[in-house]
């Protein structure tokens, strides 16, 4: 028996000696007026309900998996953006320091040294 459905299937007979019929584990008292077709229809409807329930659980499971994947992707993107932001901040600081050094001593040697220093990480 599945966890999402409590259906129990038993053979159904159209006639019973006690005047009682069984459907999905339930006694149907005074069910002599029920035809085999009615009983079969109820069994089909019960099976349909079980399948619908199973399908909804399957959909929920798929959506949970998709949500987990999207959260992971979002987290990876945020980490990548944070890393890029830090790299840009470091580069800005290096450029500012080099520019300040060249402004303090506007000589060709200082400009050349700062240019070499900045070109090394690239």
PDB file of N, CA and C in Angstrom:
ATOM      1  N   UNK A   1       0.857  -1.180   0.000  1.00  0.00           N
ATOM      2  CA  UNK A   1       0.000   0.000   0.000  1.00  0.00           C
ATOM      3  C   UNK A   1       0.896   1.234   0.000  1.00  0.00           C
ATOM      4  N   UNK A   2       0.524   2.211  -0.797  1.00  0.00           N
ATOM      5  CA  UNK A   2       1.329   3.417  -0.925  1.00  0.00           C
ATOM      6  C   UNK A   2       1.057   4.365   0.241  1.00  0.00           C
ATOM      7  N   UNK A   3       1.944   5.342   0.400  1.00  0.00           N
ATOM      8  CA  UNK A   3       1.782   6.286   1.504  1.00  0.00           C
ATOM      9  C   UNK A   3       0.770   7.368   1.187  1.00  0.00           C
ATOM     10  N   UNK A   4       0.422   7.564  -0.074  1.00  0.00           N
ATOM     11  CA  UNK A   4      -0.506   8.630  -0.423  1.00  0.00           C
ATOM     12  C   UNK A   4      -1.918   8.153  -0.652  1.00  0.00           C
ATOM     13  N   UNK A   5      -2.135   6.869  -0.575  1.00  0.00           N
ATOM     14  CA  UNK A   5      -3.462   6.353  -0.861  1.00  0.00           C
ATOM     15  C   UNK A   5      -3.745   5.178   0.059  1.00  0.00           C
ATOM     16  N   UNK A   6      -4.931   5.110   0.566  1.00  0.00           N
ATOM     17  CA  UNK A   6      -5.280   4.020   1.474  1.00  0.00           C
ATOM     18  C   UNK A   6      -6.242   3.050   0.806  1.00  0.00           C
ATOM     19  N   UNK A   7      -6.088   2.896  -0.474  1.00  0.00           N
ATOM     20  CA  UNK A   7      -6.983   2.013  -1.208  1.00  0.00           C
ATOM     21  C   UNK A   7      -6.610   0.558  -0.942  1.00  0.00           C
ATOM     22  N   UNK A   8      -7.612  -0.244  -0.732  1.00  0.00           N
ATOM     23  CA  UNK A   8      -7.417  -1.680  -0.613  1.00  0.00           C
ATOM     24  C   UNK A   8      -8.336  -2.322  -1.634  1.00  0.00           C
ATOM     25  N   UNK A   9      -7.782  -3.145  -2.468  1.00  0.00           N
ATOM     26  CA  UNK A   9      -8.575  -3.737  -3.537  1.00  0.00           C
ATOM     27  C   UNK A   9      -8.931  -5.167  -3.188  1.00  0.00           C
ATOM     28  N   UNK A  10     -10.198  -5.484  -3.312  1.00  0.00           N
ATOM     29  CA  UNK A  10     -10.689  -6.833  -3.102  1.00  0.00           C
ATOM     30  C   UNK A  10     -11.589  -7.177  -4.274  1.00  0.00           C
ATOM     31  N   UNK A  11     -11.651  -8.447  -4.610  1.00  0.00           N
ATOM     32  CA  UNK A  11     -12.578  -8.811  -5.682  1.00  0.00           C
ATOM     33  C   UNK A  11     -14.003  -8.446  -5.273  1.00  0.00           C
ATOM     34  N   UNK A  12     -14.763  -7.950  -6.197  1.00  0.00           N
ATOM     35  CA  UNK A  12     -16.140  -7.549  -5.918  1.00  0.00           C
ATOM     36  C   UNK A  12     -17.063  -8.539  -6.602  1.00  0.00           C
ATOM     37  N   UNK A  13     -17.997  -9.044  -5.856  1.00  0.00           N
ATOM     38  CA  UNK A  13     -18.999  -9.937  -6.442  1.00  0.00           C
ATOM     39  C   UNK A  13     -20.313  -9.191  -6.482  1.00  0.00           C
ATOM     40  N   UNK A  14     -21.083  -9.451  -7.491  1.00  0.00           N
ATOM     41  CA  UNK A  14     -22.345  -8.746  -7.648  1.00  0.00           C
ATOM     42  C   UNK A  14     -23.359  -9.199  -6.616  1.00  0.00           C
ATOM     43  N   UNK A  15     -23.284 -10.431  -6.189  1.00  0.00           N
ATOM     44  CA  UNK A  15     -24.249 -10.936  -5.215  1.00  0.00           C
ATOM     45  C   UNK A  15     -23.514 -11.546  -4.034  1.00  0.00           C
ATOM     46  N   UNK A  16     -24.068 -11.372  -2.876  1.00  0.00           N
ATOM     47  CA  UNK A  16     -23.491 -11.903  -1.657  1.00  0.00           C
ATOM     48  C   UNK A  16     -24.590 -12.597  -0.883  1.00  0.00           C
ATOM     49  N   UNK A  17     -24.222 -13.647  -0.170  1.00  0.00           N
ATOM     50  CA  UNK A  17     -25.245 -14.392   0.574  1.00  0.00           C
ATOM     51  C   UNK A  17     -25.774 -13.588   1.742  1.00  0.00           C
ATOM     52  N   UNK A  18     -24.957 -12.702   2.313  1.00  0.00           N
ATOM     53  CA  UNK A  18     -25.401 -11.935   3.480  1.00  0.00           C
ATOM     54  C   UNK A  18     -26.065 -10.625   3.105  1.00  0.00           C
ATOM     55  N   UNK A  19     -26.102 -10.281   1.829  1.00  0.00           N
ATOM     56  CA  UNK A  19     -26.677  -8.999   1.426  1.00  0.00           C
ATOM     57  C   UNK A  19     -25.713  -7.851   1.660  1.00  0.00           C
ATOM     58  N   UNK A  20     -24.442  -8.158   1.959  1.00  0.00           N
ATOM     59  CA  UNK A  20     -23.431  -7.139   2.215  1.00  0.00           C
ATOM     60  C   UNK A  20     -22.370  -7.237   1.138  1.00  0.00           C
ATOM     61  N   UNK A  21     -21.932  -6.101   0.638  1.00  0.00           N
ATOM     62  CA  UNK A  21     -20.857  -6.073  -0.356  1.00  0.00           C
ATOM     63  C   UNK A  21     -19.659  -5.347   0.225  1.00  0.00           C
ATOM     64  N   UNK A  22     -18.490  -5.637  -0.307  1.00  0.00           N
ATOM     65  CA  UNK A  22     -17.264  -5.001   0.156  1.00  0.00           C
ATOM     66  C   UNK A  22     -16.661  -4.189  -0.983  1.00  0.00           C
ATOM     67  N   UNK A  23     -16.265  -2.969  -0.671  1.00  0.00           N
ATOM     68  CA  UNK A  23     -15.588  -2.115  -1.639  1.00  0.00           C
ATOM     69  C   UNK A  23     -14.500  -1.357  -0.903  1.00  0.00           C
ATOM     70  N   UNK A  24     -13.278  -1.541  -1.328  1.00  0.00           N
ATOM     71  CA  UNK A  24     -12.128  -0.861  -0.715  1.00  0.00           C
ATOM     72  C   UNK A  24     -12.093  -1.086   0.787  1.00  0.00           C
ATOM     73  N   UNK A  25     -12.387  -2.285   1.205  1.00  0.00           N
ATOM     74  CA  UNK A  25     -12.300  -2.615   2.614  1.00  0.00           C
ATOM     75  C   UNK A  25     -13.474  -2.123   3.428  1.00  0.00           C
ATOM     76  N   UNK A  26     -14.524  -1.575   2.805  1.00  0.00           N
ATOM     77  CA  UNK A  26     -15.685  -1.055   3.515  1.00  0.00           C
ATOM     78  C   UNK A  26     -16.867  -1.984   3.307  1.00  0.00           C
ATOM     79  N   UNK A  27     -17.596  -2.236   4.350  1.00  0.00           N
ATOM     80  CA  UNK A  27     -18.834  -3.013   4.245  1.00  0.00           C
ATOM     81  C   UNK A  27     -19.935  -2.075   3.780  1.00  0.00           C
ATOM     82  N   UNK A  28     -20.645  -2.467   2.765  1.00  0.00           N
ATOM     83  CA  UNK A  28     -21.764  -1.671   2.289  1.00  0.00           C
ATOM     84  C   UNK A  28     -23.038  -2.425   2.636  1.00  0.00           C
ATOM     85  N   UNK A  29     -23.646  -2.096   3.752  1.00  0.00           N
ATOM     86  CA  UNK A  29     -24.867  -2.761   4.201  1.00  0.00           C
ATOM     87  C   UNK A  29     -26.014  -2.450   3.263  1.00  0.00           C
ATOM     88  N   UNK A  30     -26.838  -3.411   3.056  1.00  0.00           N
ATOM     89  CA  UNK A  30     -28.016  -3.211   2.229  1.00  0.00           C
ATOM     90  C   UNK A  30     -27.657  -2.819   0.820  1.00  0.00           C
ATOM     91  N   UNK A  31     -26.534  -3.303   0.328  1.00  0.00           N
ATOM     92  CA  UNK A  31     -26.052  -2.896  -0.978  1.00  0.00           C
ATOM     93  C   UNK A  31     -26.579  -3.794  -2.084  1.00  0.00           C
ATOM     94  N   UNK A  32     -27.632  -4.492  -1.807  1.00  0.00           N
ATOM     95  CA  UNK A  32     -28.136  -5.392  -2.833  1.00  0.00           C
ATOM     96  C   UNK A  32     -28.604  -4.628  -4.061  1.00  0.00           C
ATOM     97  N   UNK A  33     -28.901  -3.331  -3.892  1.00  0.00           N
ATOM     98  CA  UNK A  33     -29.349  -2.543  -5.035  1.00  0.00           C
ATOM     99  C   UNK A  33     -28.178  -2.074  -5.900  1.00  0.00           C
ATOM    100  N   UNK A  34     -26.941  -2.195  -5.366  1.00  0.00           N
ATOM    101  CA  UNK A  34     -25.774  -1.786  -6.144  1.00  0.00           C
ATOM    102  C   UNK A  34     -25.509  -2.816  -7.227  1.00  0.00           C
ATOM    103  N   UNK A  35     -25.305  -2.331  -8.406  1.00  0.00           N
ATOM    104  CA  UNK A  35     -24.961  -3.236  -9.486  1.00  0.00           C
ATOM    105  C   UNK A  35     -23.454  -3.369  -9.558  1.00  0.00           C
ATOM    106  N   UNK A  36     -22.989  -4.371 -10.258  1.00  0.00           N
ATOM    107  CA  UNK A  36     -21.541  -4.557 -10.425  1.00  0.00           C
ATOM    108  C   UNK A  36     -20.941  -3.336 -11.104  1.00  0.00           C
ATOM    109  N   UNK A  37     -21.681  -2.717 -12.026  1.00  0.00           N
ATOM    110  CA  UNK A  37     -21.181  -1.522 -12.714  1.00  0.00           C
ATOM    111  C   UNK A  37     -20.992  -0.359 -11.777  1.00  0.00           C
ATOM    112  N   UNK A  38     -21.912  -0.188 -10.826  1.00  0.00           N
ATOM    113  CA  UNK A  38     -21.799   0.900  -9.853  1.00  0.00           C
ATOM    114  C   UNK A  38     -20.583   0.680  -8.968  1.00  0.00           C
ATOM    115  N   UNK A  39     -20.404  -0.564  -8.547  1.00  0.00           N
ATOM    116  CA  UNK A  39     -19.261  -0.893  -7.697  1.00  0.00           C
ATOM    117  C   UNK A  39     -17.964  -0.666  -8.473  1.00  0.00           C
ATOM    118  N   UNK A  40     -17.940  -1.076  -9.724  1.00  0.00           N
ATOM    119  CA  UNK A  40     -16.747  -0.873 -10.536  1.00  0.00           C
ATOM    120  C   UNK A  40     -16.482   0.624 -10.738  1.00  0.00           C
ATOM    121  N   UNK A  41     -17.527   1.399 -10.932  1.00  0.00           N
ATOM    122  CA  UNK A  41     -17.369   2.839 -11.091  1.00  0.00           C
ATOM    123  C   UNK A  41     -16.766   3.451  -9.834  1.00  0.00           C
ATOM    124  N   UNK A  42     -17.236   3.019  -8.687  1.00  0.00           N
ATOM    125  CA  UNK A  42     -16.661   3.542  -7.435  1.00  0.00           C
ATOM    126  C   UNK A  42     -15.200   3.142  -7.311  1.00  0.00           C
ATOM    127  N   UNK A  43     -14.882   1.937  -7.739  1.00  0.00           N
ATOM    128  CA  UNK A  43     -13.475   1.503  -7.684  1.00  0.00           C
ATOM    129  C   UNK A  43     -12.624   2.349  -8.618  1.00  0.00           C
ATOM    130  N   UNK A  44     -13.138   2.644  -9.793  1.00  0.00           N
ATOM    131  CA  UNK A  44     -12.406   3.477 -10.745  1.00  0.00           C
ATOM    132  C   UNK A  44     -12.223   4.877 -10.167  1.00  0.00           C
ATOM    133  N   UNK A  45     -13.272   5.428  -9.562  1.00  0.00           N
ATOM    134  CA  UNK A  45     -13.168   6.764  -8.970  1.00  0.00           C
ATOM    135  C   UNK A  45     -12.170   6.779  -7.826  1.00  0.00           C
ATOM    136  N   UNK A  46     -12.150   5.718  -7.035  1.00  0.00           N
ATOM    137  CA  UNK A  46     -11.182   5.620  -5.935  1.00  0.00           C
ATOM    138  C   UNK A  46      -9.763   5.536  -6.493  1.00  0.00           C
ATOM    139  N   UNK A  47      -9.596   4.733  -7.546  1.00  0.00           N
ATOM    140  CA  UNK A  47      -8.276   4.621  -8.177  1.00  0.00           C
ATOM    141  C   UNK A  47      -7.856   5.960  -8.758  1.00  0.00           C
ATOM    142  N   UNK A  48      -8.799   6.669  -9.382  1.00  0.00           N
ATOM    143  CA  UNK A  48      -8.513   7.984  -9.947  1.00  0.00           C
ATOM    144  C   UNK A  48      -8.057   8.956  -8.858  1.00  0.00           C
ATOM    145  N   UNK A  49      -8.746   8.912  -7.724  1.00  0.00           N
ATOM    146  CA  UNK A  49      -8.363   9.790  -6.615  1.00  0.00           C
ATOM    147  C   UNK A  49      -6.953   9.466  -6.134  1.00  0.00           C
ATOM    148  N   UNK A  50      -6.619   8.185  -6.062  1.00  0.00           N
ATOM    149  CA  UNK A  50      -5.274   7.780  -5.633  1.00  0.00           C
ATOM    150  C   UNK A  50      -4.228   8.251  -6.635  1.00  0.00           C
ATOM    151  N   UNK A  51      -4.515   8.073  -7.921  1.00  0.00           N
ATOM    152  CA  UNK A  51      -3.570   8.509  -8.953  1.00  0.00           C
ATOM    153  C   UNK A  51      -3.411  10.023  -8.955  1.00  0.00           C
ATOM    154  N   UNK A  52      -4.512  10.739  -8.759  1.00  0.00           N
ATOM    155  CA  UNK A  52      -4.436  12.198  -8.697  1.00  0.00           C
ATOM    156  C   UNK A  52      -3.572  12.641  -7.533  1.00  0.00           C
ATOM    157  N   UNK A  53      -3.750  11.990  -6.409  1.00  0.00           N
ATOM    158  CA  UNK A  53      -2.953  12.317  -5.230  1.00  0.00           C
ATOM    159  C   UNK A  53      -1.476  12.031  -5.482  1.00  0.00           C
ATOM    160  N   UNK A  54      -1.193  10.889  -6.102  1.00  0.00           N
ATOM    161  CA  UNK A  54       0.194  10.535  -6.401  1.00  0.00           C
ATOM    162  C   UNK A  54       0.802  11.547  -7.371  1.00  0.00           C
ATOM    163  N   UNK A  55       0.035  11.957  -8.365  1.00  0.00           N
ATOM    164  CA  UNK A  55       0.525  12.927  -9.346  1.00  0.00           C
ATOM    165  C   UNK A  55       0.830  14.262  -8.682  1.00  0.00           C
ATOM    166  N   UNK A  56      -0.038  14.703  -7.762  1.00  0.00           N
ATOM    167  CA  UNK A  56       0.213  15.969  -7.054  1.00  0.00           C
ATOM    168  C   UNK A  56       1.495  15.878  -6.230  1.00  0.00           C
ATOM    169  N   UNK A  57       1.718  14.743  -5.584  1.00  0.00           N
ATOM    170  CA  UNK A  57       2.949  14.572  -4.813  1.00  0.00           C
ATOM    171  C   UNK A  57       4.168  14.597  -5.735  1.00  0.00           C
ATOM    172  N   UNK A  58       4.033  13.990  -6.900  1.00  0.00           N
ATOM    173  CA  UNK A  58       5.114  14.001  -7.875  1.00  0.00           C
ATOM    174  C   UNK A  58       5.398  15.426  -8.330  1.00  0.00           C
ATOM    175  N   UNK A  59       4.343  16.205  -8.595  1.00  0.00           N
ATOM    176  CA  UNK A  59       4.516  17.600  -9.003  1.00  0.00           C
ATOM    177  C   UNK A  59       5.196  18.405  -7.906  1.00  0.00           C
ATOM    178  N   UNK A  60       4.775  18.203  -6.666  1.00  0.00           N
ATOM    179  CA  UNK A  60       5.389  18.906  -5.537  1.00  0.00           C
ATOM    180  C   UNK A  60       6.872  18.562  -5.456  1.00  0.00           C
ATOM    181  N   UNK A  61       7.187  17.287  -5.631  1.00  0.00           N
ATOM    182  CA  UNK A  61       8.579  16.859  -5.582  1.00  0.00           C
ATOM    183  C   UNK A  61       9.401  17.523  -6.684  1.00  0.00           C
ATOM    184  N   UNK A  62       8.860  17.574  -7.888  1.00  0.00           N
ATOM    185  CA  UNK A  62       9.564  18.230  -8.992  1.00  0.00           C
ATOM    186  C   UNK A  62       9.770  19.715  -8.716  1.00  0.00           C
ATOM    187  N   UNK A  63       8.743  20.369  -8.198  1.00  0.00           N
ATOM    188  CA  UNK A  63       8.856  21.799  -7.899  1.00  0.00           C
ATOM    189  C   UNK A  63       9.874  22.065  -6.798  1.00  0.00           C
ATOM    190  N   UNK A  64       9.924  21.176  -5.799  1.00  0.00           N
ATOM    191  CA  UNK A  64      10.912  21.341  -4.730  1.00  0.00           C
ATOM    192  C   UNK A  64      12.324  21.188  -5.283  1.00  0.00           C
ATOM    193  N   UNK A  65      12.511  20.226  -6.184  1.00  0.00           N
ATOM    194  CA  UNK A  65      13.820  20.024  -6.804  1.00  0.00           C
ATOM    195  C   UNK A  65      14.210  21.241  -7.630  1.00  0.00           C
ATOM    196  N   UNK A  66      13.265  21.759  -8.404  1.00  0.00           N
ATOM    197  CA  UNK A  66      13.525  22.943  -9.221  1.00  0.00           C
ATOM    198  C   UNK A  66      13.858  24.150  -8.350  1.00  0.00           C
ATOM    199  N   UNK A  67      13.126  24.319  -7.254  1.00  0.00           N
ATOM    200  CA  UNK A  67      13.380  25.430  -6.345  1.00  0.00           C
ATOM    201  C   UNK A  67      14.766  25.325  -5.724  1.00  0.00           C
ATOM    202  N   UNK A  68      15.152  24.125  -5.321  1.00  0.00           N
ATOM    203  CA  UNK A  68      16.482  23.926  -4.736  1.00  0.00           C
ATOM    204  C   UNK A  68      17.567  24.258  -5.762  1.00  0.00           C
ATOM    205  N   UNK A  69      17.360  23.848  -7.015  1.00  0.00           N
ATOM    206  CA  UNK A  69      18.317  24.133  -8.076  1.00  0.00           C
ATOM    207  C   UNK A  69      18.417  25.640  -8.316  1.00  0.00           C
ATOM    208  N   UNK A  70      17.281  26.320  -8.346  1.00  0.00           N
ATOM    209  CA  UNK A  70      17.282  27.769  -8.562  1.00  0.00           C
ATOM    210  C   UNK A  70      17.938  28.509  -7.397  1.00  0.00           C
ATOM    211  N   UNK A  71      17.708  28.044  -6.187  1.00  0.00           N
ATOM    212  CA  UNK A  71      18.361  28.674  -5.023  1.00  0.00           C
ATOM    213  C   UNK A  71      19.869  28.512  -5.097  1.00  0.00           C
ATOM    214  N   UNK A  72      20.323  27.320  -5.504  1.00  0.00           N
ATOM    215  CA  UNK A  72      21.761  27.068  -5.630  1.00  0.00           C
ATOM    216  C   UNK A  72      22.351  27.981  -6.699  1.00  0.00           C
ATOM    217  N   UNK A  73      21.661  28.104  -7.826  1.00  0.00           N
ATOM    218  CA  UNK A  73      22.127  28.966  -8.915  1.00  0.00           C
ATOM    219  C   UNK A  73      22.200  30.423  -8.444  1.00  0.00           C
ATOM    220  N   UNK A  74      21.183  30.863  -7.718  1.00  0.00           N
ATOM    221  CA  UNK A  74      21.160  32.232  -7.205  1.00  0.00           C
ATOM    222  C   UNK A  74      22.314  32.458  -6.233  1.00  0.00           C
ATOM    223  N   UNK A  75      22.565  31.498  -5.350  1.00  0.00           N
ATOM    224  CA  UNK A  75      23.649  31.619  -4.380  1.00  0.00           C
ATOM    225  C   UNK A  75      25.007  31.679  -5.098  1.00  0.00           C
ATOM    226  N   UNK A  76      25.184  30.829  -6.117  1.00  0.00           N
ATOM    227  CA  UNK A  76      26.425  30.854  -6.893  1.00  0.00           C
ATOM    228  C   UNK A  76      26.608  32.208  -7.571  1.00  0.00           C
ATOM    229  N   UNK A  77      25.523  32.750  -8.113  1.00  0.00           N
ATOM    230  CA  UNK A  77      25.582  34.060  -8.781  1.00  0.00           C
ATOM    231  C   UNK A  77      25.964  35.156  -7.786  1.00  0.00           C
ATOM    232  N   UNK A  78      25.370  35.114  -6.606  1.00  0.00           N
ATOM    233  CA  UNK A  78      25.678  36.119  -5.577  1.00  0.00           C
ATOM    234  C   UNK A  78      27.151  36.032  -5.175  1.00  0.00           C
ATOM    235  N   UNK A  79      27.660  34.807  -5.007  1.00  0.00           N
ATOM    236  CA  UNK A  79      29.070  34.637  -4.640  1.00  0.00           C
ATOM    237  C   UNK A  79      29.989  35.153  -5.749  1.00  0.00           C
ATOM    238  N   UNK A  80      29.623  34.887  -7.007  1.00  0.00           N
ATOM    239  CA  UNK A  80      30.418  35.366  -8.141  1.00  0.00           C
ATOM    240  C   UNK A  80      30.421  36.892  -8.188  1.00  0.00           C
ATOM    241  N   UNK A  81      29.257  37.488  -7.957  1.00  0.00           N
ATOM    242  CA  UNK A  81      29.163  38.959  -7.954  1.00  0.00           C
ATOM    243  C   UNK A  81      29.989  39.556  -6.822  1.00  0.00           C
ATOM    244  N   UNK A  82      29.967  38.936  -5.665  1.00  0.00           N
ATOM    245  CA  UNK A  82      30.745  39.433  -4.528  1.00  0.00           C
ATOM    246  C   UNK A  82      32.243  39.360  -4.834  1.00  0.00           C
ATOM    247  N   UNK A  83      32.659  38.260  -5.465  1.00  0.00           N
ATOM    248  CA  UNK A  83      34.071  38.104  -5.827  1.00  0.00           C
ATOM    249  C   UNK A  83      34.481  39.166  -6.854  1.00  0.00           C
ATOM    250  N   UNK A  84      33.654  39.371  -7.866  1.00  0.00           N
ATOM    251  CA  UNK A  84      33.946  40.383  -8.890  1.00  0.00           C
ATOM    252  C   UNK A  84      33.994  41.777  -8.272  1.00  0.00           C
ATOM    253  N   UNK A  85      33.075  42.053  -7.374  1.00  0.00           N
ATOM    254  CA  UNK A  85      33.049  43.351  -6.709  1.00  0.00           C
ATOM    255  C   UNK A  85      34.334  43.585  -5.912  1.00  0.00           C
ATOM    256  N   UNK A  86      34.786  42.534  -5.215  1.00  0.00           N
ATOM    257  CA  UNK A  86      36.021  42.657  -4.438  1.00  0.00           C
ATOM    258  C   UNK A  86      37.218  42.887  -5.352  1.00  0.00           C
ATOM    259  N   UNK A  87      37.249  42.161  -6.478  1.00  0.00           N
ATOM    260  CA  UNK A  87      38.350  42.332  -7.435  1.00  0.00           C
ATOM    261  C   UNK A  87      38.367  43.752  -8.005  1.00  0.00           C
ATOM    262  N   UNK A  88      37.193  44.270  -8.334  1.00  0.00           N
ATOM    263  CA  UNK A  88      37.107  45.637  -8.862  1.00  0.00           C
ATOM    264  C   UNK A  88      37.522  46.664  -7.811  1.00  0.00           C
ATOM    265  N   UNK A  89      37.146  46.418  -6.588  1.00  0.00           N
ATOM    266  CA  UNK A  89      37.528  47.327  -5.501  1.00  0.00           C
ATOM    267  C   UNK A  89      39.046  47.337  -5.316  1.00  0.00           C
ATOM    268  N   UNK A  90      39.648  46.149  -5.357  1.00  0.00           N
ATOM    269  CA  UNK A  90      41.109  46.059  -5.230  1.00  0.00           C
ATOM    270  C   UNK A  90      41.807  46.777  -6.389  1.00  0.00           C
ATOM    271  N   UNK A  91      41.281  46.588  -7.603  1.00  0.00           N
ATOM    272  CA  UNK A  91      41.862  47.247  -8.772  1.00  0.00           C
ATOM    273  C   UNK A  91      41.726  48.766  -8.671  1.00  0.00           C
ATOM    274  N   UNK A  92      40.590  49.221  -8.206  1.00  0.00           N
ATOM    275  CA  UNK A  92      40.377  50.662  -8.035  1.00  0.00           C
ATOM    276  C   UNK A  92      41.378  51.237  -7.036  1.00  0.00           C
ATOM    277  N   UNK A  93      41.591  50.499  -5.949  1.00  0.00           N
ATOM    278  CA  UNK A  93      42.544  50.967  -4.930  1.00  0.00           C
ATOM    279  C   UNK A  93      43.966  51.033  -5.520  1.00  0.00           C
ATOM    280  N   UNK A  94      44.368  50.014  -6.292  1.00  0.00           N
ATOM    281  CA  UNK A  94      45.703  50.012  -6.905  1.00  0.00           C
ATOM    282  C   UNK A  94      45.862  51.179  -7.885  1.00  0.00           C
ATOM    283  N   UNK A  95      44.823  51.400  -8.703  1.00  0.00           N
ATOM    284  CA  UNK A  95      44.891  52.514  -9.668  1.00  0.00           C
ATOM    285  C   UNK A  95      44.957  53.856  -8.957  1.00  0.00           C
ATOM    286  N   UNK A  96      44.198  53.998  -7.892  1.00  0.00           N
ATOM    287  CA  UNK A  96      44.210  55.258  -7.131  1.00  0.00           C
ATOM    288  C   UNK A  96      45.578  55.511  -6.520  1.00  0.00           C
ATOM    289  N   UNK A  97      46.177  54.466  -5.989  1.00  0.00           N
ATOM    290  CA  UNK A  97      47.514  54.622  -5.392  1.00  0.00           C
ATOM    291  C   UNK A  97      48.549  54.977  -6.457  1.00  0.00           C
ATOM    292  N   UNK A  98      48.454  54.315  -7.614  1.00  0.00           N
ATOM    293  CA  UNK A  98      49.409  54.611  -8.691  1.00  0.00           C
ATOM    294  C   UNK A  98      49.232  56.031  -9.203  1.00  0.00           C
ATOM    295  N   UNK A  99      47.988  56.436  -9.377  1.00  0.00           N
ATOM    296  CA  UNK A  99      47.721  57.801  -9.843  1.00  0.00           C
ATOM    297  C   UNK A  99      48.236  58.820  -8.824  1.00  0.00           C
ATOM    298  N   UNK A 100      48.035  58.556  -7.556  1.00  0.00           N
ATOM    299  CA  UNK A 100      48.523  59.470  -6.509  1.00  0.00           C
ATOM    300  C   UNK A 100      50.038  59.557  -6.533  1.00  0.00           C
ATOM    301  N   UNK A 101      50.718  58.427  -6.772  1.00  0.00           N
ATOM    302  CA  UNK A 101      52.185  58.434  -6.830  1.00  0.00           C
ATOM    303  C   UNK A 101      52.673  59.258  -8.018  1.00  0.00           C
ATOM    304  N   UNK A 102      51.999  59.113  -9.162  1.00  0.00           N
ATOM    305  CA  UNK A 102      52.398  59.869 -10.358  1.00  0.00           C
ATOM    306  C   UNK A 102      52.107  61.361 -10.162  1.00  0.00           C
ATOM    307  N   UNK A 103      51.017  61.709  -9.503  1.00  0.00           N
ATOM    308  CA  UNK A 103      50.683  63.113  -9.266  1.00  0.00           C
ATOM    309  C   UNK A 103      51.693  63.741  -8.313  1.00  0.00           C
ATOM    310  N   UNK A 104      52.113  62.970  -7.299  1.00  0.00           N
ATOM    311  CA  UNK A 104      53.103  63.502  -6.350  1.00  0.00           C
ATOM    312  C   UNK A 104      54.443  63.752  -7.032  1.00  0.00           C
ATOM    313  N   UNK A 105      54.863  62.834  -7.896  1.00  0.00           N
ATOM    314  CA  UNK A 105      56.146  62.956  -8.605  1.00  0.00           C
ATOM    315  C   UNK A 105      55.892  62.761 -10.096  1.00  0.00           C
ATOM    316  N   UNK A 106      55.562  63.805 -10.795  1.00  0.00           N
ATOM    317  CA  UNK A 106      55.258  63.682 -12.226  1.00  0.00           C
ATOM    318  C   UNK A 106      56.520  63.536 -13.079  1.00  0.00           C
ATOM    319  N   UNK A 107      57.182  62.416 -12.895  1.00  0.00           N
ATOM    320  CA  UNK A 107      58.404  62.139 -13.653  1.00  0.00           C
ATOM    321  C   UNK A 107      58.201  60.870 -14.467  1.00  0.00           C
ATOM    322  N   UNK A 108      58.931  60.757 -15.543  1.00  0.00           N
ATOM    323  CA  UNK A 108      58.802  59.607 -16.432  1.00  0.00           C
ATOM    324  C   UNK A 108      59.136  58.302 -15.714  1.00  0.00           C
ATOM    325  N   UNK A 109      60.137  58.300 -14.851  1.00  0.00           N
ATOM    326  CA  UNK A 109      60.556  57.078 -14.142  1.00  0.00           C
ATOM    327  C   UNK A 109      59.441  56.579 -13.215  1.00  0.00           C
ATOM    328  N   UNK A 110      58.783  57.509 -12.543  1.00  0.00           N
ATOM    329  CA  UNK A 110      57.687  57.128 -11.638  1.00  0.00           C
ATOM    330  C   UNK A 110      56.517  56.569 -12.449  1.00  0.00           C
ATOM    331  N   UNK A 111      56.192  57.231 -13.542  1.00  0.00           N
ATOM    332  CA  UNK A 111      55.100  56.761 -14.404  1.00  0.00           C
ATOM    333  C   UNK A 111      55.411  55.369 -14.954  1.00  0.00           C
ATOM    334  N   UNK A 112      56.658  55.157 -15.384  1.00  0.00           N
ATOM    335  CA  UNK A 112      57.061  53.850 -15.912  1.00  0.00           C
ATOM    336  C   UNK A 112      57.000  52.772 -14.832  1.00  0.00           C
ATOM    337  N   UNK A 113      57.446  53.082 -13.637  1.00  0.00           N
ATOM    338  CA  UNK A 113      57.425  52.106 -12.530  1.00  0.00           C
ATOM    339  C   UNK A 113      55.993  51.748 -12.157  1.00  0.00           C
ATOM    340  N   UNK A 114      55.131  52.742 -12.090  1.00  0.00           N
ATOM    341  CA  UNK A 114      53.722  52.475 -11.740  1.00  0.00           C
ATOM    342  C   UNK A 114      53.040  51.659 -12.856  1.00  0.00           C
ATOM    343  N   UNK A 115      53.401  51.959 -14.112  1.00  0.00           N
ATOM    344  CA  UNK A 115      52.819  51.218 -15.237  1.00  0.00           C
ATOM    345  C   UNK A 115      53.233  49.747 -15.167  1.00  0.00           C
ATOM    346  N   UNK A 116      54.503  49.472 -14.889  1.00  0.00           N
ATOM    347  CA  UNK A 116      54.972  48.076 -14.748  1.00  0.00           C
ATOM    348  C   UNK A 116      54.271  47.381 -13.585  1.00  0.00           C
ATOM    349  N   UNK A 117      54.136  48.101 -12.486  1.00  0.00           N
ATOM    350  CA  UNK A 117      53.485  47.520 -11.296  1.00  0.00           C
ATOM    351  C   UNK A 117      52.037  47.124 -11.615  1.00  0.00           C
ATOM    352  N   UNK A 118      51.345  47.987 -12.336  1.00  0.00           N
ATOM    353  CA  UNK A 118      49.948  47.694 -12.686  1.00  0.00           C
ATOM    354  C   UNK A 118      49.820  46.601 -13.743  1.00  0.00           C
ATOM    355  N   UNK A 119      50.805  46.487 -14.602  1.00  0.00           N
ATOM    356  CA  UNK A 119      50.757  45.491 -15.674  1.00  0.00           C
ATOM    357  C   UNK A 119      51.056  44.075 -15.173  1.00  0.00           C
ATOM    358  N   UNK A 120      51.707  43.923 -14.024  1.00  0.00           N
ATOM    359  CA  UNK A 120      52.099  42.597 -13.513  1.00  0.00           C
ATOM    360  C   UNK A 120      50.876  41.677 -13.289  1.00  0.00           C
ATOM    361  N   UNK A 121      49.796  42.103 -12.600  1.00  0.00           N
ATOM    362  CA  UNK A 121      48.687  41.174 -12.363  1.00  0.00           C
ATOM    363  C   UNK A 121      47.933  40.799 -13.646  1.00  0.00           C
ATOM    364  N   UNK A 122      48.013  41.649 -14.658  1.00  0.00           N
ATOM    365  CA  UNK A 122      47.300  41.389 -15.903  1.00  0.00           C
ATOM    366  C   UNK A 122      48.008  40.322 -16.678  1.00  0.00           C
TER     367      UNK A 122
END
